[in-house]
Amino acid sequence: MAPLIWLALAGVLFLIEVSIPGFGGFVIAAVAALVVSALTALLGLSVALQVAAFAVISLLGGAALWRWSGRQPSKLERLAPANDRAEVIAAFDAQGRGRVRWQGQSWAAESLEFPRPLAPGDQVVVMRRVGTRLEVMAEES
């Protein structure tokens, strides 16, 4: 009976994970419940061992996910495609900020080569996007 309870818990956790966009975290607990269900069916674990195994697997999985997610770019910070070009449409000011046309849209931009002047018509390479701002470098001629 206990393996079925863990299996049902895994199903509920998976349903919560897929039904609430961006909620996150329940998939690890669902996998832990599946593992505990299998272990209980195979080895006949006591209730205390089942709960302990669920807690340990959930915590280790959460720690691994947290460590992995720290190495990924955030949703607001993405690397631009290699050699992606943009055209300066508004001269860069004294703080190294200006506007560029990138992928058919006007974007706020910040020069990574400040105080190098960038004038309208200059070509720049988009290095990365941070939210609605691009970080650019002058294209070498």
N, C-alpha and C. Protein backbone atom coordinates (compact mmCIF):
# COMPACT_ATOMS: atom_id res chain seq x y z
N MET A 1 0.81 -1.20 0.00
CA MET A 1 0.00 0.00 0.00
C MET A 1 0.86 1.27 0.00
N ALA A 2 1.96 1.25 0.75
CA ALA A 2 2.82 2.43 0.85
C ALA A 2 3.41 2.83 -0.51
N PRO A 3 3.85 1.88 -1.35
CA PRO A 3 4.38 2.29 -2.66
C PRO A 3 3.34 3.03 -3.50
N LEU A 4 2.08 2.64 -3.38
CA LEU A 4 1.03 3.32 -4.14
C LEU A 4 0.78 4.74 -3.63
N ILE A 5 0.93 4.92 -2.33
CA ILE A 5 0.78 6.27 -1.78
C ILE A 5 1.88 7.18 -2.31
N TRP A 6 3.12 6.69 -2.32
CA TRP A 6 4.23 7.48 -2.87
C TRP A 6 4.04 7.73 -4.37
N LEU A 7 3.54 6.74 -5.08
CA LEU A 7 3.27 6.90 -6.50
C LEU A 7 2.20 7.97 -6.74
N ALA A 8 1.15 7.95 -5.93
CA ALA A 8 0.10 8.96 -6.04
C ALA A 8 0.65 10.35 -5.71
N LEU A 9 1.49 10.44 -4.68
CA LEU A 9 2.11 11.72 -4.33
C LEU A 9 2.96 12.24 -5.49
N ALA A 10 3.71 11.35 -6.13
CA ALA A 10 4.52 11.74 -7.28
C ALA A 10 3.64 12.29 -8.39
N GLY A 11 2.51 11.62 -8.65
CA GLY A 11 1.59 12.10 -9.69
C GLY A 11 1.03 13.47 -9.37
N VAL A 12 0.64 13.69 -8.12
CA VAL A 12 0.11 15.00 -7.71
C VAL A 12 1.17 16.08 -7.87
N LEU A 13 2.39 15.78 -7.46
CA LEU A 13 3.48 16.77 -7.57
C LEU A 13 3.79 17.09 -9.03
N PHE A 14 3.78 16.08 -9.89
CA PHE A 14 3.98 16.33 -11.33
C PHE A 14 2.86 17.20 -11.89
N LEU A 15 1.63 16.92 -11.50
CA LEU A 15 0.50 17.73 -11.97
C LEU A 15 0.62 19.18 -11.52
N ILE A 16 1.03 19.40 -10.28
CA ILE A 16 1.24 20.77 -9.81
C ILE A 16 2.34 21.45 -10.63
N GLU A 17 3.41 20.72 -10.88
CA GLU A 17 4.54 21.29 -11.64
C GLU A 17 4.11 21.74 -13.04
N VAL A 18 3.33 20.92 -13.73
CA VAL A 18 2.97 21.26 -15.11
C VAL A 18 1.77 22.20 -15.20
N SER A 19 0.97 22.30 -14.15
CA SER A 19 -0.23 23.14 -14.23
C SER A 19 0.00 24.57 -13.80
N ILE A 20 1.04 24.84 -13.05
CA ILE A 20 1.31 26.21 -12.60
C ILE A 20 2.59 26.68 -13.28
N PRO A 21 2.47 27.53 -14.32
CA PRO A 21 3.65 27.97 -15.06
C PRO A 21 4.64 28.72 -14.17
N GLY A 22 5.90 28.34 -14.30
CA GLY A 22 6.96 29.03 -13.58
C GLY A 22 7.00 28.77 -12.09
N PHE A 23 6.23 27.82 -11.59
CA PHE A 23 6.20 27.57 -10.15
C PHE A 23 7.48 26.87 -9.72
N GLY A 24 7.87 25.81 -10.40
CA GLY A 24 9.15 25.14 -10.23
C GLY A 24 9.34 24.42 -8.91
N GLY A 25 10.27 23.50 -8.90
CA GLY A 25 10.67 22.82 -7.70
C GLY A 25 9.96 21.53 -7.38
N PHE A 26 8.73 21.36 -7.86
CA PHE A 26 7.98 20.16 -7.53
C PHE A 26 8.46 18.94 -8.30
N VAL A 27 9.14 19.13 -9.41
CA VAL A 27 9.58 17.99 -10.20
C VAL A 27 10.62 17.18 -9.42
N ILE A 28 11.46 17.85 -8.65
CA ILE A 28 12.46 17.13 -7.86
C ILE A 28 11.77 16.29 -6.78
N ALA A 29 10.80 16.87 -6.11
CA ALA A 29 10.06 16.13 -5.09
C ALA A 29 9.28 14.97 -5.72
N ALA A 30 8.76 15.18 -6.92
CA ALA A 30 8.03 14.11 -7.61
C ALA A 30 8.96 12.95 -7.95
N VAL A 31 10.16 13.27 -8.42
CA VAL A 31 11.13 12.21 -8.72
C VAL A 31 11.53 11.50 -7.43
N ALA A 32 11.71 12.25 -6.35
CA ALA A 32 12.04 11.63 -5.07
C ALA A 32 10.92 10.69 -4.63
N ALA A 33 9.67 11.09 -4.81
CA ALA A 33 8.54 10.23 -4.44
C ALA A 33 8.52 8.96 -5.30
N LEU A 34 8.85 9.09 -6.59
CA LEU A 34 8.93 7.90 -7.46
C LEU A 34 10.02 6.94 -6.99
N VAL A 35 11.18 7.49 -6.64
CA VAL A 35 12.28 6.66 -6.17
C VAL A 35 11.89 5.96 -4.87
N VAL A 36 11.28 6.70 -3.95
CA VAL A 36 10.86 6.09 -2.67
C VAL A 36 9.79 5.03 -2.92
N SER A 37 8.90 5.27 -3.85
CA SER A 37 7.89 4.27 -4.19
C SER A 37 8.54 2.98 -4.67
N ALA A 38 9.52 3.11 -5.56
CA ALA A 38 10.21 1.93 -6.08
C ALA A 38 11.00 1.22 -4.99
N LEU A 39 11.71 1.99 -4.16
CA LEU A 39 12.49 1.38 -3.08
C LEU A 39 11.59 0.67 -2.08
N THR A 40 10.46 1.28 -1.78
CA THR A 40 9.52 0.67 -0.82
C THR A 40 8.94 -0.61 -1.39
N ALA A 41 8.63 -0.61 -2.68
CA ALA A 41 8.08 -1.82 -3.31
C ALA A 41 9.12 -2.94 -3.35
N LEU A 42 10.38 -2.59 -3.61
CA LEU A 42 11.43 -3.60 -3.73
C LEU A 42 11.98 -4.07 -2.39
N LEU A 43 12.18 -3.12 -1.46
CA LEU A 43 12.87 -3.45 -0.22
C LEU A 43 11.98 -3.46 1.01
N GLY A 44 10.75 -2.97 0.89
CA GLY A 44 9.85 -2.93 2.04
C GLY A 44 10.36 -2.02 3.15
N LEU A 45 10.73 -0.82 2.82
CA LEU A 45 11.26 0.13 3.80
C LEU A 45 10.22 0.49 4.85
N SER A 46 10.71 0.79 6.05
CA SER A 46 9.81 1.24 7.11
C SER A 46 9.38 2.68 6.80
N VAL A 47 8.33 3.12 7.48
CA VAL A 47 7.82 4.47 7.23
C VAL A 47 8.89 5.52 7.52
N ALA A 48 9.66 5.34 8.59
CA ALA A 48 10.71 6.30 8.94
C ALA A 48 11.76 6.37 7.83
N LEU A 49 12.16 5.21 7.30
CA LEU A 49 13.14 5.20 6.21
C LEU A 49 12.56 5.81 4.93
N GLN A 50 11.30 5.59 4.68
CA GLN A 50 10.66 6.18 3.50
C GLN A 50 10.70 7.70 3.57
N VAL A 51 10.29 8.23 4.71
CA VAL A 51 10.28 9.70 4.88
C VAL A 51 11.70 10.25 4.82
N ALA A 52 12.65 9.57 5.45
CA ALA A 52 14.04 10.02 5.43
C ALA A 52 14.59 9.99 4.00
N ALA A 53 14.32 8.92 3.26
CA ALA A 53 14.79 8.82 1.88
C ALA A 53 14.19 9.93 1.02
N PHE A 54 12.89 10.19 1.21
CA PHE A 54 12.23 11.26 0.45
C PHE A 54 12.89 12.60 0.76
N ALA A 55 13.14 12.89 2.02
CA ALA A 55 13.74 14.16 2.42
C ALA A 55 15.16 14.30 1.86
N VAL A 56 15.96 13.24 1.98
CA VAL A 56 17.34 13.30 1.51
C VAL A 56 17.40 13.47 -0.01
N ILE A 57 16.61 12.70 -0.74
CA ILE A 57 16.61 12.80 -2.20
C ILE A 57 16.12 14.18 -2.64
N SER A 58 15.09 14.69 -1.99
CA SER A 58 14.57 16.01 -2.35
C SER A 58 15.60 17.10 -2.08
N LEU A 59 16.25 17.05 -0.92
CA LEU A 59 17.25 18.06 -0.57
C LEU A 59 18.47 17.99 -1.49
N LEU A 60 18.95 16.79 -1.77
CA LEU A 60 20.10 16.65 -2.67
C LEU A 60 19.75 17.10 -4.09
N GLY A 61 18.57 16.75 -4.56
CA GLY A 61 18.14 17.19 -5.88
C GLY A 61 17.98 18.69 -5.96
N GLY A 62 17.39 19.28 -4.91
CA GLY A 62 17.25 20.74 -4.87
C GLY A 62 18.59 21.44 -4.84
N ALA A 63 19.53 20.91 -4.06
CA ALA A 63 20.87 21.50 -4.00
C ALA A 63 21.57 21.40 -5.36
N ALA A 64 21.43 20.25 -6.02
CA ALA A 64 22.05 20.09 -7.34
C ALA A 64 21.43 21.07 -8.35
N LEU A 65 20.11 21.21 -8.31
CA LEU A 65 19.45 22.15 -9.22
C LEU A 65 19.86 23.58 -8.93
N TRP A 66 19.94 23.94 -7.66
CA TRP A 66 20.35 25.29 -7.28
C TRP A 66 21.77 25.57 -7.76
N ARG A 67 22.67 24.62 -7.59
CA ARG A 67 24.07 24.79 -8.05
C ARG A 67 24.12 24.91 -9.57
N TRP A 68 23.36 24.07 -10.27
CA TRP A 68 23.35 24.11 -11.74
C TRP A 68 22.75 25.43 -12.24
N SER A 69 21.67 25.88 -11.64
CA SER A 69 21.01 27.10 -12.11
C SER A 69 21.87 28.33 -11.90
N GLY A 70 22.78 28.30 -10.95
CA GLY A 70 23.69 29.43 -10.74
C GLY A 70 24.68 29.58 -11.87
N ARG A 71 24.88 28.56 -12.66
CA ARG A 71 25.82 28.60 -13.78
C ARG A 71 25.16 29.00 -15.09
N GLN A 72 23.84 29.14 -15.09
CA GLN A 72 23.10 29.46 -16.31
C GLN A 72 22.84 30.96 -16.38
N PRO A 73 22.82 31.55 -17.59
CA PRO A 73 22.44 32.95 -17.69
C PRO A 73 20.99 33.12 -17.26
N SER A 74 20.71 34.24 -16.62
CA SER A 74 19.34 34.48 -16.20
C SER A 74 18.47 34.75 -17.42
N LYS A 75 17.15 34.81 -17.21
CA LYS A 75 16.24 35.08 -18.31
C LYS A 75 16.45 36.48 -18.86
N LEU A 76 16.89 37.40 -18.02
CA LEU A 76 17.10 38.77 -18.47
C LEU A 76 18.48 38.97 -19.07
N GLU A 77 19.38 38.04 -18.87
CA GLU A 77 20.74 38.19 -19.36
C GLU A 77 21.06 37.02 -20.28
N ARG A 78 21.13 37.30 -21.56
CA ARG A 78 21.40 36.24 -22.53
C ARG A 78 22.54 36.67 -23.43
N LEU A 79 23.35 35.71 -23.77
CA LEU A 79 24.41 35.99 -24.73
C LEU A 79 23.79 36.12 -26.11
N ALA A 80 24.26 37.11 -26.85
CA ALA A 80 23.77 37.30 -28.21
C ALA A 80 24.40 36.25 -29.11
N PRO A 81 23.74 35.92 -30.23
CA PRO A 81 24.35 34.98 -31.17
C PRO A 81 25.72 35.49 -31.64
N ALA A 82 26.64 34.57 -31.89
CA ALA A 82 27.99 34.94 -32.30
C ALA A 82 27.97 35.85 -33.53
N ASN A 83 28.79 36.86 -33.50
CA ASN A 83 28.95 37.80 -34.61
C ASN A 83 27.65 38.50 -35.00
N ASP A 84 26.77 38.75 -34.06
CA ASP A 84 25.52 39.45 -34.34
C ASP A 84 25.82 40.94 -34.45
N ARG A 85 25.41 41.53 -35.55
CA ARG A 85 25.73 42.93 -35.84
C ARG A 85 24.53 43.83 -35.62
N ALA A 86 24.82 45.08 -35.28
CA ALA A 86 23.79 46.11 -35.13
C ALA A 86 24.36 47.40 -35.70
N GLU A 87 23.46 48.36 -35.98
CA GLU A 87 23.88 49.66 -36.51
C GLU A 87 23.51 50.74 -35.50
N VAL A 88 24.46 51.63 -35.24
CA VAL A 88 24.21 52.74 -34.33
C VAL A 88 23.23 53.69 -34.99
N ILE A 89 22.14 54.04 -34.27
CA ILE A 89 21.16 54.98 -34.83
C ILE A 89 21.10 56.28 -34.02
N ALA A 90 21.70 56.30 -32.84
CA ALA A 90 21.82 57.52 -32.04
C ALA A 90 23.19 57.50 -31.40
N ALA A 91 23.94 58.59 -31.55
CA ALA A 91 25.31 58.65 -31.04
C ALA A 91 25.37 58.30 -29.56
N PHE A 92 26.45 57.68 -29.18
CA PHE A 92 26.64 57.31 -27.78
C PHE A 92 27.09 58.53 -26.99
N ASP A 93 26.51 58.72 -25.80
CA ASP A 93 26.80 59.89 -24.97
C ASP A 93 28.09 59.70 -24.17
N ALA A 94 28.37 60.64 -23.28
CA ALA A 94 29.60 60.62 -22.49
C ALA A 94 29.66 59.43 -21.54
N GLN A 95 28.51 58.84 -21.21
CA GLN A 95 28.50 57.66 -20.33
C GLN A 95 28.57 56.35 -21.12
N GLY A 96 28.70 56.44 -22.44
CA GLY A 96 28.81 55.25 -23.27
C GLY A 96 27.47 54.61 -23.59
N ARG A 97 26.39 55.40 -23.54
CA ARG A 97 25.05 54.88 -23.84
C ARG A 97 24.51 55.51 -25.12
N GLY A 98 23.82 54.70 -25.90
CA GLY A 98 23.23 55.18 -27.14
C GLY A 98 22.14 54.22 -27.59
N ARG A 99 21.77 54.31 -28.87
CA ARG A 99 20.74 53.43 -29.43
C ARG A 99 21.27 52.77 -30.68
N VAL A 100 20.86 51.50 -30.88
CA VAL A 100 21.25 50.75 -32.06
C VAL A 100 20.02 50.09 -32.66
N ARG A 101 20.11 49.75 -33.95
CA ARG A 101 19.06 48.97 -34.59
C ARG A 101 19.60 47.55 -34.68
N TRP A 102 18.89 46.63 -33.99
CA TRP A 102 19.29 45.23 -33.93
C TRP A 102 18.07 44.37 -34.19
N GLN A 103 18.18 43.46 -35.12
CA GLN A 103 17.10 42.57 -35.51
C GLN A 103 15.83 43.35 -35.85
N GLY A 104 16.03 44.50 -36.54
CA GLY A 104 14.91 45.31 -37.01
C GLY A 104 14.26 46.18 -35.96
N GLN A 105 14.81 46.22 -34.74
CA GLN A 105 14.23 47.00 -33.65
C GLN A 105 15.25 47.98 -33.10
N SER A 106 14.75 49.07 -32.53
CA SER A 106 15.61 50.04 -31.85
C SER A 106 15.82 49.57 -30.41
N TRP A 107 17.10 49.53 -29.99
CA TRP A 107 17.44 49.06 -28.65
C TRP A 107 18.33 50.07 -27.94
N ALA A 108 18.15 50.22 -26.64
CA ALA A 108 19.11 50.96 -25.82
C ALA A 108 20.37 50.11 -25.78
N ALA A 109 21.52 50.78 -25.84
CA ALA A 109 22.78 50.03 -25.87
C ALA A 109 23.81 50.72 -24.99
N GLU A 110 24.76 49.93 -24.56
CA GLU A 110 25.88 50.43 -23.76
C GLU A 110 27.16 49.90 -24.37
N SER A 111 28.12 50.80 -24.59
CA SER A 111 29.38 50.41 -25.19
C SER A 111 30.29 49.78 -24.15
N LEU A 112 30.88 48.65 -24.47
CA LEU A 112 31.84 48.00 -23.58
C LEU A 112 33.24 48.57 -23.77
N GLU A 113 33.39 49.46 -24.77
CA GLU A 113 34.69 50.06 -25.06
C GLU A 113 34.68 51.54 -24.70
N PHE A 114 33.88 51.91 -23.74
CA PHE A 114 33.81 53.29 -23.30
C PHE A 114 35.20 53.79 -22.98
N PRO A 115 35.63 54.95 -23.39
CA PRO A 115 34.93 56.07 -24.00
C PRO A 115 35.07 56.15 -25.52
N ARG A 116 35.25 55.06 -26.19
CA ARG A 116 35.37 55.07 -27.65
C ARG A 116 34.08 55.63 -28.25
N PRO A 117 34.19 56.67 -29.11
CA PRO A 117 32.98 57.29 -29.68
C PRO A 117 32.33 56.39 -30.74
N LEU A 118 31.01 56.34 -30.69
CA LEU A 118 30.23 55.61 -31.69
C LEU A 118 29.20 56.57 -32.25
N ALA A 119 29.19 56.74 -33.57
CA ALA A 119 28.30 57.70 -34.22
C ALA A 119 27.26 56.96 -35.06
N PRO A 120 26.15 57.62 -35.40
CA PRO A 120 25.14 56.98 -36.25
C PRO A 120 25.76 56.44 -37.53
N GLY A 121 25.36 55.23 -37.89
CA GLY A 121 25.88 54.57 -39.07
C GLY A 121 27.01 53.60 -38.76
N ASP A 122 27.66 53.74 -37.61
CA ASP A 122 28.72 52.81 -37.23
C ASP A 122 28.13 51.42 -37.01
N GLN A 123 28.91 50.40 -37.34
CA GLN A 123 28.51 49.02 -37.10
C GLN A 123 29.11 48.55 -35.78
N VAL A 124 28.31 47.83 -35.00
CA VAL A 124 28.77 47.29 -33.73
C VAL A 124 28.42 45.81 -33.65
N VAL A 125 29.13 45.12 -32.78
CA VAL A 125 28.86 43.71 -32.52
C VAL A 125 28.13 43.62 -31.19
N VAL A 126 26.99 42.94 -31.18
CA VAL A 126 26.22 42.76 -29.95
C VAL A 126 26.86 41.62 -29.16
N MET A 127 27.31 41.93 -27.95
CA MET A 127 27.99 40.93 -27.12
C MET A 127 27.00 40.17 -26.24
N ARG A 128 26.03 40.91 -25.67
CA ARG A 128 25.00 40.24 -24.88
C ARG A 128 23.84 41.19 -24.65
N ARG A 129 22.71 40.58 -24.27
CA ARG A 129 21.50 41.33 -23.97
C ARG A 129 21.23 41.22 -22.48
N VAL A 130 20.98 42.35 -21.84
CA VAL A 130 20.62 42.37 -20.43
C VAL A 130 19.28 43.07 -20.34
N GLY A 131 18.21 42.29 -20.21
CA GLY A 131 16.87 42.87 -20.19
C GLY A 131 16.57 43.50 -21.53
N THR A 132 16.33 44.81 -21.52
CA THR A 132 16.02 45.54 -22.77
C THR A 132 17.21 46.38 -23.21
N ARG A 133 18.39 46.08 -22.72
CA ARG A 133 19.60 46.82 -23.08
C ARG A 133 20.62 45.86 -23.69
N LEU A 134 21.32 46.34 -24.71
CA LEU A 134 22.37 45.54 -25.35
C LEU A 134 23.73 46.05 -24.92
N GLU A 135 24.68 45.15 -24.79
CA GLU A 135 26.06 45.55 -24.58
C GLU A 135 26.78 45.31 -25.89
N VAL A 136 27.44 46.35 -26.40
CA VAL A 136 28.03 46.29 -27.74
C VAL A 136 29.49 46.69 -27.74
N MET A 137 30.17 46.29 -28.81
CA MET A 137 31.55 46.71 -29.06
C MET A 137 31.63 47.14 -30.52
N ALA A 138 32.50 48.12 -30.80
CA ALA A 138 32.66 48.57 -32.17
C ALA A 138 33.19 47.44 -33.05
N GLU A 139 32.66 47.37 -34.25
CA GLU A 139 33.13 46.35 -35.19
C GLU A 139 34.43 46.83 -35.79
N GLU A 140 35.42 45.96 -35.79
CA GLU A 140 36.72 46.31 -36.37
C GLU A 140 36.62 46.29 -37.89
N SER A 141 37.13 47.32 -38.50
CA SER A 141 37.06 47.44 -39.98
C SER A 141 38.15 46.66 -40.64
